Amino acid sequence: MNQEKSTDEHYLPVANISRIMKNGLGSNAKIAKEAKEIVRECVSEFISFITSEACEKCQNEKRKTINGDDILQAMQTLGFDNYIEPLSIYLSSYREAAVSVII
């Protein structure tokens, strides 16, 4: 049980994964528990993979903080080019919203 709990802490909550999965489906669709668990593990591994690459870049540049640009660079380095444009747009919007909150 302790091993299971320890491993479980490294994953996103199943409820969050389930909610995201259901958003892409019709109201009558059902998702098996094993499907949720597989997606949960994949998403968690993907986040670790991207973050690890971004962290390496920061370490090489003697920085401690990973920022949005580091994540985008990591994704490009790892071959996720199709995501760069939409995520760049999102990052710009996020930054604009953050500035407007400060002002």
N, C-alpha and C. Protein backbone atom coordinates (compact mmCIF):
# COMPACT_ATOMS: atom_id res chain seq x y z
N MET A 1 0.82 -1.19 0.00
CA MET A 1 0.00 0.00 0.00
C MET A 1 0.87 1.26 0.00
N ASN A 2 1.93 1.31 0.81
CA ASN A 2 2.80 2.48 0.84
C ASN A 2 3.44 2.74 -0.51
N GLN A 3 3.89 1.67 -1.18
CA GLN A 3 4.48 1.81 -2.51
C GLN A 3 3.46 2.37 -3.49
N GLU A 4 2.22 1.89 -3.43
CA GLU A 4 1.16 2.36 -4.31
C GLU A 4 0.87 3.84 -4.05
N LYS A 5 0.79 4.24 -2.79
CA LYS A 5 0.52 5.63 -2.44
C LYS A 5 1.67 6.52 -2.91
N SER A 6 2.89 6.08 -2.71
CA SER A 6 4.06 6.86 -3.11
C SER A 6 4.07 7.07 -4.63
N THR A 7 3.79 6.03 -5.38
CA THR A 7 3.73 6.13 -6.84
C THR A 7 2.57 7.01 -7.26
N ASP A 8 1.44 6.89 -6.59
CA ASP A 8 0.24 7.66 -6.90
C ASP A 8 0.48 9.16 -6.77
N GLU A 9 1.35 9.57 -5.88
CA GLU A 9 1.63 10.99 -5.67
C GLU A 9 2.31 11.64 -6.87
N HIS A 10 2.89 10.85 -7.75
CA HIS A 10 3.59 11.38 -8.92
C HIS A 10 2.67 11.58 -10.12
N TYR A 11 1.40 11.27 -9.96
CA TYR A 11 0.45 11.39 -11.05
C TYR A 11 -0.59 12.46 -10.76
N LEU A 12 -1.19 12.98 -11.82
CA LEU A 12 -2.29 13.92 -11.67
C LEU A 12 -3.50 13.18 -11.11
N PRO A 13 -4.38 13.87 -10.42
CA PRO A 13 -5.58 13.21 -9.89
C PRO A 13 -6.46 12.62 -11.00
N VAL A 14 -6.97 11.42 -10.78
CA VAL A 14 -7.81 10.75 -11.76
C VAL A 14 -9.04 11.59 -12.10
N ALA A 15 -9.60 12.29 -11.13
CA ALA A 15 -10.79 13.12 -11.37
C ALA A 15 -10.48 14.20 -12.42
N ASN A 16 -9.31 14.79 -12.34
CA ASN A 16 -8.93 15.81 -13.33
C ASN A 16 -8.77 15.21 -14.72
N ILE A 17 -8.12 14.07 -14.78
CA ILE A 17 -7.92 13.38 -16.06
C ILE A 17 -9.27 13.01 -16.65
N SER A 18 -10.15 12.47 -15.83
CA SER A 18 -11.47 12.06 -16.27
C SER A 18 -12.25 13.25 -16.83
N ARG A 19 -12.20 14.37 -16.14
CA ARG A 19 -12.92 15.58 -16.58
C ARG A 19 -12.40 16.05 -17.94
N ILE A 20 -11.09 16.06 -18.10
CA ILE A 20 -10.50 16.48 -19.38
C ILE A 20 -10.90 15.52 -20.49
N MET A 21 -10.84 14.23 -20.21
CA MET A 21 -11.22 13.23 -21.22
C MET A 21 -12.68 13.38 -21.62
N LYS A 22 -13.55 13.59 -20.66
CA LYS A 22 -14.99 13.71 -20.93
C LYS A 22 -15.32 14.95 -21.74
N ASN A 23 -14.52 16.01 -21.59
CA ASN A 23 -14.76 17.23 -22.37
C ASN A 23 -14.69 16.98 -23.87
N GLY A 24 -13.92 16.00 -24.29
CA GLY A 24 -13.78 15.70 -25.70
C GLY A 24 -14.77 14.68 -26.22
N LEU A 25 -15.65 14.21 -25.35
CA LEU A 25 -16.59 13.15 -25.74
C LEU A 25 -18.03 13.64 -25.62
N GLY A 26 -18.92 12.90 -26.19
CA GLY A 26 -20.35 13.20 -26.05
C GLY A 26 -20.83 12.91 -24.64
N SER A 27 -22.01 13.41 -24.32
CA SER A 27 -22.53 13.26 -22.96
C SER A 27 -22.86 11.81 -22.60
N ASN A 28 -23.09 10.97 -23.58
CA ASN A 28 -23.42 9.56 -23.31
C ASN A 28 -22.20 8.66 -23.24
N ALA A 29 -21.04 9.18 -23.59
CA ALA A 29 -19.83 8.36 -23.62
C ALA A 29 -19.37 8.00 -22.22
N LYS A 30 -18.80 6.82 -22.10
CA LYS A 30 -18.25 6.35 -20.83
C LYS A 30 -16.79 6.03 -21.04
N ILE A 31 -16.01 6.18 -19.98
CA ILE A 31 -14.58 5.91 -20.04
C ILE A 31 -14.24 4.87 -18.99
N ALA A 32 -13.63 3.79 -19.41
CA ALA A 32 -13.26 2.72 -18.48
C ALA A 32 -12.16 3.21 -17.54
N LYS A 33 -12.16 2.67 -16.34
CA LYS A 33 -11.16 3.03 -15.33
C LYS A 33 -9.75 2.81 -15.86
N GLU A 34 -9.54 1.70 -16.57
CA GLU A 34 -8.19 1.42 -17.08
C GLU A 34 -7.76 2.46 -18.12
N ALA A 35 -8.70 2.98 -18.90
CA ALA A 35 -8.38 4.02 -19.88
C ALA A 35 -7.94 5.30 -19.16
N LYS A 36 -8.64 5.65 -18.09
CA LYS A 36 -8.27 6.83 -17.31
C LYS A 36 -6.88 6.66 -16.71
N GLU A 37 -6.61 5.48 -16.19
CA GLU A 37 -5.31 5.21 -15.57
C GLU A 37 -4.18 5.27 -16.59
N ILE A 38 -4.42 4.74 -17.78
CA ILE A 38 -3.38 4.77 -18.82
C ILE A 38 -3.10 6.20 -19.25
N VAL A 39 -4.15 6.98 -19.47
CA VAL A 39 -3.97 8.38 -19.86
C VAL A 39 -3.28 9.14 -18.73
N ARG A 40 -3.66 8.86 -17.51
CA ARG A 40 -3.04 9.50 -16.35
C ARG A 40 -1.54 9.26 -16.32
N GLU A 41 -1.14 8.02 -16.54
CA GLU A 41 0.29 7.70 -16.54
C GLU A 41 1.00 8.36 -17.71
N CYS A 42 0.39 8.33 -18.89
CA CYS A 42 1.00 8.95 -20.08
C CYS A 42 1.19 10.45 -19.90
N VAL A 43 0.16 11.12 -19.39
CA VAL A 43 0.23 12.57 -19.19
C VAL A 43 1.32 12.91 -18.18
N SER A 44 1.39 12.15 -17.12
CA SER A 44 2.41 12.39 -16.10
C SER A 44 3.81 12.18 -16.65
N GLU A 45 3.99 11.14 -17.44
CA GLU A 45 5.29 10.88 -18.07
C GLU A 45 5.65 11.98 -19.06
N PHE A 46 4.66 12.44 -19.82
CA PHE A 46 4.88 13.52 -20.78
C PHE A 46 5.35 14.78 -20.06
N ILE A 47 4.69 15.13 -18.97
CA ILE A 47 5.08 16.31 -18.20
C ILE A 47 6.51 16.15 -17.67
N SER A 48 6.83 15.00 -17.15
CA SER A 48 8.18 14.75 -16.65
C SER A 48 9.22 14.84 -17.76
N PHE A 49 8.91 14.30 -18.92
CA PHE A 49 9.79 14.30 -20.08
C PHE A 49 10.11 15.73 -20.51
N ILE A 50 9.09 16.53 -20.69
CA ILE A 50 9.26 17.92 -21.13
C ILE A 50 9.99 18.73 -20.06
N THR A 51 9.58 18.57 -18.81
CA THR A 51 10.18 19.32 -17.72
C THR A 51 11.66 18.98 -17.54
N SER A 52 11.98 17.71 -17.70
CA SER A 52 13.37 17.28 -17.58
C SER A 52 14.25 17.95 -18.64
N GLU A 53 13.75 18.01 -19.85
CA GLU A 53 14.49 18.67 -20.94
C GLU A 53 14.65 20.17 -20.65
N ALA A 54 13.59 20.81 -20.19
CA ALA A 54 13.65 22.23 -19.87
C ALA A 54 14.61 22.48 -18.70
N CYS A 55 14.61 21.60 -17.73
CA CYS A 55 15.50 21.71 -16.57
C CYS A 55 16.95 21.62 -17.00
N GLU A 56 17.23 20.71 -17.91
CA GLU A 56 18.60 20.56 -18.42
C GLU A 56 19.07 21.85 -19.08
N LYS A 57 18.20 22.47 -19.85
CA LYS A 57 18.53 23.74 -20.50
C LYS A 57 18.84 24.81 -19.45
N CYS A 58 18.01 24.89 -18.42
CA CYS A 58 18.23 25.87 -17.36
C CYS A 58 19.55 25.62 -16.62
N GLN A 59 19.84 24.37 -16.35
CA GLN A 59 21.09 24.04 -15.67
C GLN A 59 22.29 24.45 -16.52
N ASN A 60 22.20 24.21 -17.83
CA ASN A 60 23.29 24.60 -18.73
C ASN A 60 23.49 26.11 -18.76
N GLU A 61 22.41 26.84 -18.54
CA GLU A 61 22.46 28.30 -18.54
C GLU A 61 22.60 28.87 -17.12
N LYS A 62 22.85 27.99 -16.15
CA LYS A 62 23.05 28.39 -14.75
C LYS A 62 21.84 29.14 -14.18
N ARG A 63 20.64 28.67 -14.54
CA ARG A 63 19.40 29.24 -14.02
C ARG A 63 18.68 28.19 -13.21
N LYS A 64 17.87 28.64 -12.25
CA LYS A 64 17.14 27.70 -11.40
C LYS A 64 15.65 27.63 -11.73
N THR A 65 15.14 28.64 -12.43
CA THR A 65 13.71 28.71 -12.69
C THR A 65 13.38 28.37 -14.14
N ILE A 66 12.49 27.41 -14.32
CA ILE A 66 12.01 27.05 -15.66
C ILE A 66 10.86 27.99 -16.00
N ASN A 67 10.91 28.60 -17.18
CA ASN A 67 9.81 29.48 -17.60
C ASN A 67 9.10 28.90 -18.82
N GLY A 68 8.08 29.59 -19.28
CA GLY A 68 7.30 29.11 -20.41
C GLY A 68 8.12 28.93 -21.68
N ASP A 69 9.05 29.85 -21.90
CA ASP A 69 9.91 29.74 -23.09
C ASP A 69 10.78 28.49 -23.03
N ASP A 70 11.22 28.13 -21.83
CA ASP A 70 12.02 26.90 -21.67
C ASP A 70 11.19 25.67 -22.03
N ILE A 71 9.93 25.67 -21.63
CA ILE A 71 9.05 24.54 -21.96
C ILE A 71 8.85 24.45 -23.47
N LEU A 72 8.61 25.60 -24.11
CA LEU A 72 8.43 25.59 -25.57
C LEU A 72 9.70 25.11 -26.28
N GLN A 73 10.85 25.56 -25.81
CA GLN A 73 12.12 25.13 -26.40
C GLN A 73 12.32 23.63 -26.21
N ALA A 74 11.99 23.14 -25.03
CA ALA A 74 12.11 21.71 -24.76
C ALA A 74 11.21 20.90 -25.69
N MET A 75 9.99 21.39 -25.89
CA MET A 75 9.06 20.68 -26.76
C MET A 75 9.58 20.65 -28.20
N GLN A 76 10.17 21.75 -28.62
CA GLN A 76 10.73 21.80 -29.98
C GLN A 76 11.92 20.86 -30.09
N THR A 77 12.78 20.88 -29.11
CA THR A 77 13.96 20.00 -29.10
C THR A 77 13.54 18.53 -29.16
N LEU A 78 12.45 18.21 -28.48
CA LEU A 78 11.98 16.81 -28.41
C LEU A 78 11.08 16.42 -29.57
N GLY A 79 10.86 17.36 -30.51
CA GLY A 79 10.11 17.01 -31.71
C GLY A 79 8.62 17.27 -31.67
N PHE A 80 8.15 18.04 -30.72
CA PHE A 80 6.73 18.35 -30.63
C PHE A 80 6.43 19.69 -31.32
N ASP A 81 6.95 19.84 -32.52
CA ASP A 81 6.84 21.10 -33.27
C ASP A 81 5.41 21.54 -33.52
N ASN A 82 4.49 20.62 -33.69
CA ASN A 82 3.10 20.97 -33.98
C ASN A 82 2.43 21.74 -32.84
N TYR A 83 2.98 21.64 -31.66
CA TYR A 83 2.39 22.32 -30.50
C TYR A 83 2.97 23.70 -30.25
N ILE A 84 4.08 24.02 -30.88
CA ILE A 84 4.79 25.26 -30.57
C ILE A 84 3.95 26.50 -30.88
N GLU A 85 3.36 26.56 -32.06
CA GLU A 85 2.59 27.76 -32.43
C GLU A 85 1.39 27.99 -31.50
N PRO A 86 0.51 27.00 -31.30
CA PRO A 86 -0.63 27.27 -30.41
C PRO A 86 -0.20 27.57 -28.97
N LEU A 87 0.85 26.92 -28.51
CA LEU A 87 1.29 27.17 -27.14
C LEU A 87 1.99 28.53 -27.02
N SER A 88 2.64 28.97 -28.07
CA SER A 88 3.24 30.32 -28.08
C SER A 88 2.15 31.38 -28.00
N ILE A 89 1.08 31.16 -28.73
CA ILE A 89 -0.06 32.08 -28.69
C ILE A 89 -0.66 32.09 -27.28
N TYR A 90 -0.83 30.91 -26.70
CA TYR A 90 -1.36 30.82 -25.34
C TYR A 90 -0.44 31.54 -24.35
N LEU A 91 0.87 31.33 -24.47
CA LEU A 91 1.83 31.94 -23.56
C LEU A 91 1.78 33.46 -23.66
N SER A 92 1.67 33.98 -24.88
CA SER A 92 1.54 35.44 -25.06
C SER A 92 0.28 35.97 -24.39
N SER A 93 -0.83 35.27 -24.60
CA SER A 93 -2.10 35.68 -23.98
C SER A 93 -2.00 35.63 -22.46
N TYR A 94 -1.38 34.60 -21.96
CA TYR A 94 -1.20 34.44 -20.52
C TYR A 94 -0.39 35.60 -19.96
N ARG A 95 0.70 35.94 -20.64
CA ARG A 95 1.55 37.03 -20.18
C ARG A 95 0.83 38.37 -20.24
N GLU A 96 0.05 38.59 -21.30
CA GLU A 96 -0.72 39.83 -21.41
C GLU A 96 -1.74 39.93 -20.27
N ALA A 97 -2.41 38.83 -19.98
CA ALA A 97 -3.39 38.82 -18.89
C ALA A 97 -2.71 39.06 -17.55
N ALA A 98 -1.54 38.48 -17.35
CA ALA A 98 -0.81 38.66 -16.09
C ALA A 98 -0.38 40.10 -15.93
N VAL A 99 0.03 40.76 -16.99
CA VAL A 99 0.42 42.17 -16.94
C VAL A 99 -0.78 43.04 -16.63
N SER A 100 -1.92 42.75 -17.25
CA SER A 100 -3.12 43.56 -17.01
C SER A 100 -3.63 43.43 -15.58
N VAL A 101 -3.39 42.29 -14.93
CA VAL A 101 -3.78 42.10 -13.54
C VAL A 101 -2.88 42.93 -12.64
N ILE A 102 -1.63 43.01 -12.98
CA ILE A 102 -0.66 43.76 -12.17
C ILE A 102 -0.94 45.26 -12.26
N ILE A 103 -1.31 45.73 -13.44
CA ILE A 103 -1.55 47.16 -13.65
C ILE A 103 -2.83 47.57 -13.07
